[in-house]
Amino acid sequence: MRAILVADKHDVVCLDNFYTGTRANIIHLLQHPRFELIRHDVAFSTARRMDEIYNLASWIDADHRTLGIAAGKSDVILEVGGF
């Protein structure tokens, strides 16, 4: 999705805390002039102004997902708000 947006000449800002992922997933975009990476947890607000937001995070690690559910968080809260 990020690569498609950049290819379509959109400026893309990626906010990621790398809790379950790595920079290796976006290494091919880091040198692109319309791509910016900010290490940030989306569970907390940012002062950065954005026109559109796409949440591309997904729980791929069953252990982390199980911890969240055990803490009383639903799948929706985990996917939208984070652990």
Protein backbone atom coordinates (compact mmCIF):
# COMPACT_ATOMS: atom_id res chain seq x y z
CA MET A 1 0.00 0.00 0.00
CA ARG A 2 2.76 2.48 0.91
CA ALA A 3 4.64 1.71 -2.29
CA ILE A 4 1.47 2.24 -4.35
CA LEU A 5 0.78 5.60 -2.69
CA VAL A 6 4.36 6.77 -3.28
CA ALA A 7 4.23 5.56 -6.90
CA ASP A 8 1.01 7.56 -7.37
CA LYS A 9 2.95 10.69 -6.32
CA HIS A 10 1.49 11.00 -2.82
CA ASP A 11 3.61 12.11 0.13
CA VAL A 12 3.61 9.25 2.62
CA VAL A 13 4.44 9.51 6.32
CA CYS A 14 4.85 6.17 8.06
CA LEU A 15 4.36 6.10 11.83
CA ASP A 16 5.61 2.88 13.39
CA ASN A 17 6.84 1.87 16.83
CA PHE A 18 8.29 -1.40 15.44
CA TYR A 19 6.68 -3.33 18.27
CA THR A 20 5.94 -6.30 16.01
CA GLY A 21 7.69 -5.30 12.78
CA THR A 22 11.07 -4.12 11.54
CA ARG A 23 12.56 -1.47 9.27
CA ALA A 24 13.33 -4.29 6.85
CA ASN A 25 9.66 -4.23 5.83
CA ILE A 26 10.03 -0.71 4.41
CA ILE A 27 13.74 -0.55 3.57
CA HIS A 28 12.94 -0.13 -0.13
CA LEU A 29 11.05 3.11 0.63
CA LEU A 30 13.47 4.84 3.00
CA GLN A 31 15.39 6.70 0.28
CA HIS A 32 12.29 7.77 -1.64
CA PRO A 33 11.84 11.58 -1.58
CA ARG A 34 8.07 11.33 -0.90
CA PHE A 35 8.41 8.84 1.96
CA GLU A 36 9.12 9.77 5.58
CA LEU A 37 9.47 7.39 8.52
CA ILE A 38 8.72 8.52 12.07
CA ARG A 39 9.22 6.10 14.95
CA HIS A 40 6.00 6.65 16.88
CA ASP A 41 3.32 4.64 18.66
CA VAL A 42 -0.03 5.44 17.09
CA ALA A 43 -1.71 4.76 20.44
CA PHE A 44 -0.51 8.27 21.32
CA SER A 45 -1.46 11.44 19.47
CA THR A 46 0.87 13.34 17.21
CA ALA A 47 0.92 17.03 16.32
CA ARG A 48 1.66 16.12 12.71
CA ARG A 49 -1.10 17.27 10.31
CA MET A 50 -2.24 14.53 7.91
CA ASP A 51 -4.94 14.53 5.27
CA GLU A 52 -5.64 10.79 5.38
CA ILE A 53 -4.66 7.97 7.73
CA TYR A 54 -4.40 4.29 6.84
CA ASN A 55 -3.81 1.85 9.67
CA LEU A 56 -1.83 -0.98 8.09
CA ALA A 57 -0.87 -2.61 11.38
CA SER A 58 -2.01 -6.10 12.12
CA TRP A 59 -1.34 -8.55 14.93
CA ILE A 60 0.75 -11.26 13.34
CA ASP A 61 2.21 -12.47 16.61
CA ALA A 62 -0.33 -14.60 18.47
CA ASP A 63 1.53 -14.18 21.78
CA HIS A 64 1.18 -10.38 21.72
CA ARG A 65 -2.48 -10.61 20.65
CA THR A 66 -3.22 -13.05 23.47
CA LEU A 67 -1.63 -10.68 26.00
CA GLY A 68 -3.85 -7.87 24.78
CA ILE A 69 -7.01 -9.92 24.99
CA ALA A 70 -6.02 -11.15 28.47
CA ALA A 71 -5.70 -7.48 29.46
CA GLY A 72 -9.37 -7.03 28.49
CA LYS A 73 -8.86 -5.47 25.06
CA SER A 74 -10.97 -6.58 22.12
CA ASP A 75 -9.60 -7.29 18.64
CA VAL A 76 -10.99 -3.96 17.42
CA ILE A 77 -9.25 -1.99 20.17
CA LEU A 78 -5.99 -3.85 19.51
CA GLU A 79 -6.14 -3.24 15.75
CA VAL A 80 -7.13 0.44 16.01
CA GLY A 81 -5.60 1.60 19.26
CA GLY A 82 -2.70 -0.74 19.85
CA PHE A 83 -1.69 -2.93 22.80
